[in-house]
Amino acid sequence: MQDRLKRLKFRAWHRGTREADYMIGGFFDRYSPGWSDEEIAWFEAVCDEDDVDIMGWALGTGAPPSHLDRPDLIAAMRRLDYIPLP
């Protein structure tokens, strides 16, 4: 399980743009310690999506596809309480 989480953390923090790294990586760091296997699998599937789409879900400007629509996790993503502000 630890190797799986390490790989997932790397994927979350190495998206290609600083904005996506902070949003997706920060979300992972904030919420992943309490995730079940099902929630980890959900986030793995999220990481397969384009950054622009994920950021749209987090900002509320887009809706996730039905296979990723987890209202509890999308709501947590939209709170943006996981991004450190300077």
N, C-alpha and C. Protein backbone atom coordinates (compact mmCIF):
# COMPACT_ATOMS: atom_id res chain seq x y z
N MET A 1 0.82 -1.19 0.00
CA MET A 1 0.00 0.00 0.00
C MET A 1 0.87 1.26 0.00
N GLN A 2 1.98 1.23 0.75
CA GLN A 2 2.83 2.42 0.83
C GLN A 2 3.44 2.76 -0.54
N ASP A 3 3.84 1.74 -1.30
CA ASP A 3 4.38 2.00 -2.63
C ASP A 3 3.33 2.61 -3.54
N ARG A 4 2.11 2.14 -3.42
CA ARG A 4 1.01 2.67 -4.22
C ARG A 4 0.79 4.14 -3.90
N LEU A 5 0.79 4.48 -2.62
CA LEU A 5 0.60 5.88 -2.21
C LEU A 5 1.78 6.76 -2.62
N LYS A 6 2.99 6.23 -2.57
CA LYS A 6 4.16 7.00 -3.00
C LYS A 6 4.08 7.32 -4.49
N ARG A 7 3.70 6.34 -5.28
CA ARG A 7 3.54 6.57 -6.73
C ARG A 7 2.44 7.59 -6.99
N LEU A 8 1.36 7.47 -6.25
CA LEU A 8 0.24 8.37 -6.43
C LEU A 8 0.60 9.79 -6.01
N LYS A 9 1.36 9.93 -4.94
CA LYS A 9 1.82 11.25 -4.52
C LYS A 9 2.70 11.89 -5.60
N PHE A 10 3.58 11.10 -6.17
CA PHE A 10 4.43 11.61 -7.24
C PHE A 10 3.57 12.09 -8.41
N ARG A 11 2.61 11.28 -8.81
CA ARG A 11 1.72 11.66 -9.92
C ARG A 11 0.93 12.92 -9.60
N ALA A 12 0.52 13.07 -8.35
CA ALA A 12 -0.26 14.24 -7.95
C ALA A 12 0.58 15.51 -7.97
N TRP A 13 1.84 15.41 -7.62
CA TRP A 13 2.70 16.59 -7.51
C TRP A 13 3.51 16.89 -8.76
N HIS A 14 3.43 16.04 -9.78
CA HIS A 14 4.20 16.26 -11.01
C HIS A 14 3.25 16.25 -12.20
N ARG A 15 2.43 17.27 -12.27
CA ARG A 15 1.40 17.35 -13.30
C ARG A 15 1.86 18.10 -14.54
N GLY A 16 2.78 19.02 -14.39
CA GLY A 16 3.25 19.76 -15.56
C GLY A 16 3.17 21.26 -15.40
N THR A 17 2.27 21.73 -14.56
CA THR A 17 2.20 23.17 -14.27
C THR A 17 2.17 23.35 -12.76
N ARG A 18 2.69 24.46 -12.33
CA ARG A 18 2.74 24.73 -10.90
C ARG A 18 1.33 24.78 -10.30
N GLU A 19 0.41 25.40 -11.02
CA GLU A 19 -0.97 25.52 -10.53
C GLU A 19 -1.60 24.14 -10.31
N ALA A 20 -1.42 23.27 -11.29
CA ALA A 20 -1.98 21.92 -11.15
C ALA A 20 -1.27 21.14 -10.06
N ASP A 21 0.04 21.32 -9.95
CA ASP A 21 0.79 20.64 -8.88
C ASP A 21 0.24 21.02 -7.51
N TYR A 22 0.05 22.32 -7.29
CA TYR A 22 -0.46 22.77 -5.99
C TYR A 22 -1.88 22.27 -5.74
N MET A 23 -2.72 22.36 -6.75
CA MET A 23 -4.11 21.99 -6.55
C MET A 23 -4.27 20.48 -6.35
N ILE A 24 -3.70 19.70 -7.24
CA ILE A 24 -3.88 18.26 -7.19
C ILE A 24 -2.98 17.62 -6.13
N GLY A 25 -1.73 18.06 -6.07
CA GLY A 25 -0.82 17.55 -5.05
C GLY A 25 -1.22 17.97 -3.65
N GLY A 26 -1.66 19.22 -3.52
CA GLY A 26 -2.11 19.70 -2.21
C GLY A 26 -3.34 18.94 -1.73
N PHE A 27 -4.25 18.66 -2.65
CA PHE A 27 -5.44 17.87 -2.31
C PHE A 27 -5.03 16.48 -1.82
N PHE A 28 -4.10 15.86 -2.53
CA PHE A 28 -3.61 14.54 -2.12
C PHE A 28 -3.02 14.59 -0.71
N ASP A 29 -2.12 15.55 -0.48
CA ASP A 29 -1.47 15.64 0.83
C ASP A 29 -2.47 15.86 1.96
N ARG A 30 -3.47 16.68 1.72
CA ARG A 30 -4.44 17.05 2.76
C ARG A 30 -5.37 15.89 3.10
N TYR A 31 -5.85 15.18 2.08
CA TYR A 31 -6.93 14.21 2.31
C TYR A 31 -6.52 12.74 2.23
N SER A 32 -5.44 12.40 1.59
CA SER A 32 -5.12 10.98 1.37
C SER A 32 -4.89 10.16 2.63
N PRO A 33 -4.39 10.74 3.74
CA PRO A 33 -4.17 9.88 4.91
C PRO A 33 -5.43 9.16 5.41
N GLY A 34 -6.59 9.69 5.18
CA GLY A 34 -7.81 9.05 5.65
C GLY A 34 -8.57 8.28 4.59
N TRP A 35 -8.00 8.12 3.41
CA TRP A 35 -8.72 7.47 2.31
C TRP A 35 -8.78 5.96 2.45
N SER A 36 -9.91 5.44 2.01
CA SER A 36 -10.10 3.99 1.89
C SER A 36 -9.49 3.53 0.57
N ASP A 37 -9.44 2.22 0.35
CA ASP A 37 -8.95 1.68 -0.92
C ASP A 37 -9.78 2.20 -2.09
N GLU A 38 -11.07 2.32 -1.89
CA GLU A 38 -11.97 2.82 -2.93
C GLU A 38 -11.66 4.27 -3.28
N GLU A 39 -11.39 5.08 -2.27
CA GLU A 39 -11.06 6.49 -2.51
C GLU A 39 -9.69 6.64 -3.18
N ILE A 40 -8.76 5.77 -2.82
CA ILE A 40 -7.45 5.78 -3.49
C ILE A 40 -7.62 5.42 -4.97
N ALA A 41 -8.42 4.42 -5.24
CA ALA A 41 -8.68 4.03 -6.63
C ALA A 41 -9.34 5.17 -7.40
N TRP A 42 -10.25 5.90 -6.74
CA TRP A 42 -10.88 7.07 -7.37
C TRP A 42 -9.83 8.11 -7.73
N PHE A 43 -8.93 8.41 -6.81
CA PHE A 43 -7.93 9.43 -7.08
C PHE A 43 -6.95 8.97 -8.16
N GLU A 44 -6.64 7.69 -8.21
CA GLU A 44 -5.80 7.18 -9.30
C GLU A 44 -6.48 7.43 -10.64
N ALA A 45 -7.78 7.20 -10.71
CA ALA A 45 -8.52 7.46 -11.95
C ALA A 45 -8.56 8.95 -12.25
N VAL A 46 -8.69 9.78 -11.23
CA VAL A 46 -8.67 11.23 -11.42
C VAL A 46 -7.34 11.65 -12.03
N CYS A 47 -6.25 11.08 -11.55
CA CYS A 47 -4.92 11.45 -12.05
C CYS A 47 -4.71 11.06 -13.51
N ASP A 48 -5.55 10.21 -14.04
CA ASP A 48 -5.48 9.85 -15.45
C ASP A 48 -6.13 10.91 -16.34
N GLU A 49 -6.87 11.83 -15.73
CA GLU A 49 -7.58 12.86 -16.48
C GLU A 49 -6.68 14.06 -16.75
N ASP A 50 -7.10 14.92 -17.67
CA ASP A 50 -6.34 16.13 -17.99
C ASP A 50 -6.41 17.12 -16.84
N ASP A 51 -5.31 17.83 -16.63
CA ASP A 51 -5.23 18.82 -15.55
C ASP A 51 -6.32 19.88 -15.67
N VAL A 52 -6.57 20.34 -16.87
CA VAL A 52 -7.58 21.39 -17.08
C VAL A 52 -8.95 20.91 -16.59
N ASP A 53 -9.27 19.66 -16.85
CA ASP A 53 -10.55 19.11 -16.41
C ASP A 53 -10.61 19.02 -14.89
N ILE A 54 -9.55 18.49 -14.28
CA ILE A 54 -9.51 18.35 -12.82
C ILE A 54 -9.63 19.71 -12.15
N MET A 55 -8.90 20.68 -12.67
CA MET A 55 -8.95 22.02 -12.09
C MET A 55 -10.34 22.64 -12.26
N GLY A 56 -10.99 22.35 -13.37
CA GLY A 56 -12.36 22.82 -13.58
C GLY A 56 -13.31 22.24 -12.54
N TRP A 57 -13.13 20.97 -12.20
CA TRP A 57 -13.99 20.36 -11.17
C TRP A 57 -13.74 21.02 -9.84
N ALA A 58 -12.46 21.27 -9.53
CA ALA A 58 -12.11 21.88 -8.23
C ALA A 58 -12.61 23.31 -8.13
N LEU A 59 -12.62 24.02 -9.24
CA LEU A 59 -13.06 25.42 -9.22
C LEU A 59 -14.56 25.55 -9.41
N GLY A 60 -15.23 24.45 -9.73
CA GLY A 60 -16.67 24.48 -9.90
C GLY A 60 -17.12 24.94 -11.27
N THR A 61 -16.20 25.00 -12.23
CA THR A 61 -16.56 25.44 -13.57
C THR A 61 -16.87 24.27 -14.49
N GLY A 62 -16.69 23.06 -13.99
CA GLY A 62 -16.98 21.87 -14.76
C GLY A 62 -17.45 20.76 -13.85
N ALA A 63 -18.05 19.76 -14.45
CA ALA A 63 -18.52 18.61 -13.68
C ALA A 63 -17.72 17.38 -14.11
N PRO A 64 -17.38 16.53 -13.16
CA PRO A 64 -16.63 15.32 -13.51
C PRO A 64 -17.50 14.34 -14.29
N PRO A 65 -16.89 13.46 -15.07
CA PRO A 65 -17.67 12.42 -15.74
C PRO A 65 -18.31 11.50 -14.69
N SER A 66 -19.33 10.81 -15.10
CA SER A 66 -20.12 10.02 -14.15
C SER A 66 -19.28 9.00 -13.39
N HIS A 67 -18.28 8.40 -14.02
CA HIS A 67 -17.48 7.38 -13.32
C HIS A 67 -16.57 8.00 -12.25
N LEU A 68 -16.41 9.32 -12.25
CA LEU A 68 -15.59 9.99 -11.23
C LEU A 68 -16.41 10.89 -10.33
N ASP A 69 -17.71 10.87 -10.50
CA ASP A 69 -18.57 11.77 -9.72
C ASP A 69 -18.78 11.22 -8.32
N ARG A 70 -17.92 11.67 -7.42
CA ARG A 70 -18.01 11.35 -5.99
C ARG A 70 -18.29 12.67 -5.28
N PRO A 71 -19.55 12.97 -5.00
CA PRO A 71 -19.89 14.28 -4.44
C PRO A 71 -19.10 14.66 -3.19
N ASP A 72 -18.80 13.69 -2.33
CA ASP A 72 -18.04 14.00 -1.11
C ASP A 72 -16.62 14.44 -1.42
N LEU A 73 -15.97 13.76 -2.36
CA LEU A 73 -14.59 14.10 -2.69
C LEU A 73 -14.51 15.34 -3.58
N ILE A 74 -15.45 15.49 -4.47
CA ILE A 74 -15.48 16.70 -5.31
C ILE A 74 -15.75 17.91 -4.43
N ALA A 75 -16.63 17.78 -3.44
CA ALA A 75 -16.90 18.89 -2.51
C ALA A 75 -15.64 19.25 -1.73
N ALA A 76 -14.88 18.24 -1.30
CA ALA A 76 -13.63 18.50 -0.59
C ALA A 76 -12.64 19.21 -1.52
N MET A 77 -12.61 18.81 -2.77
CA MET A 77 -11.72 19.44 -3.74
C MET A 77 -12.12 20.91 -3.95
N ARG A 78 -13.40 21.18 -3.94
CA ARG A 78 -13.89 22.55 -4.17
C ARG A 78 -13.67 23.47 -2.97
N ARG A 79 -13.47 22.91 -1.79
CA ARG A 79 -13.22 23.76 -0.62
C ARG A 79 -11.89 24.50 -0.72
N LEU A 80 -10.95 23.93 -1.43
CA LEU A 80 -9.63 24.54 -1.62
C LEU A 80 -8.95 24.90 -0.32
N ASP A 81 -9.22 24.15 0.75
CA ASP A 81 -8.60 24.42 2.04
C ASP A 81 -7.27 23.70 2.18
N TYR A 82 -6.77 23.19 1.08
CA TYR A 82 -5.55 22.40 1.12
C TYR A 82 -4.40 23.09 0.38
N ILE A 83 -4.66 24.25 -0.18
CA ILE A 83 -3.63 24.96 -0.92
C ILE A 83 -2.99 25.99 0.00
N PRO A 84 -1.69 25.85 0.28
CA PRO A 84 -1.04 26.82 1.16
C PRO A 84 -0.93 28.19 0.48
N LEU A 85 -1.33 29.21 1.17
CA LEU A 85 -1.24 30.55 0.63
C LEU A 85 0.01 31.24 1.17
N PRO A 86 0.68 32.00 0.32
CA PRO A 86 1.92 32.68 0.77
C PRO A 86 1.66 33.73 1.82
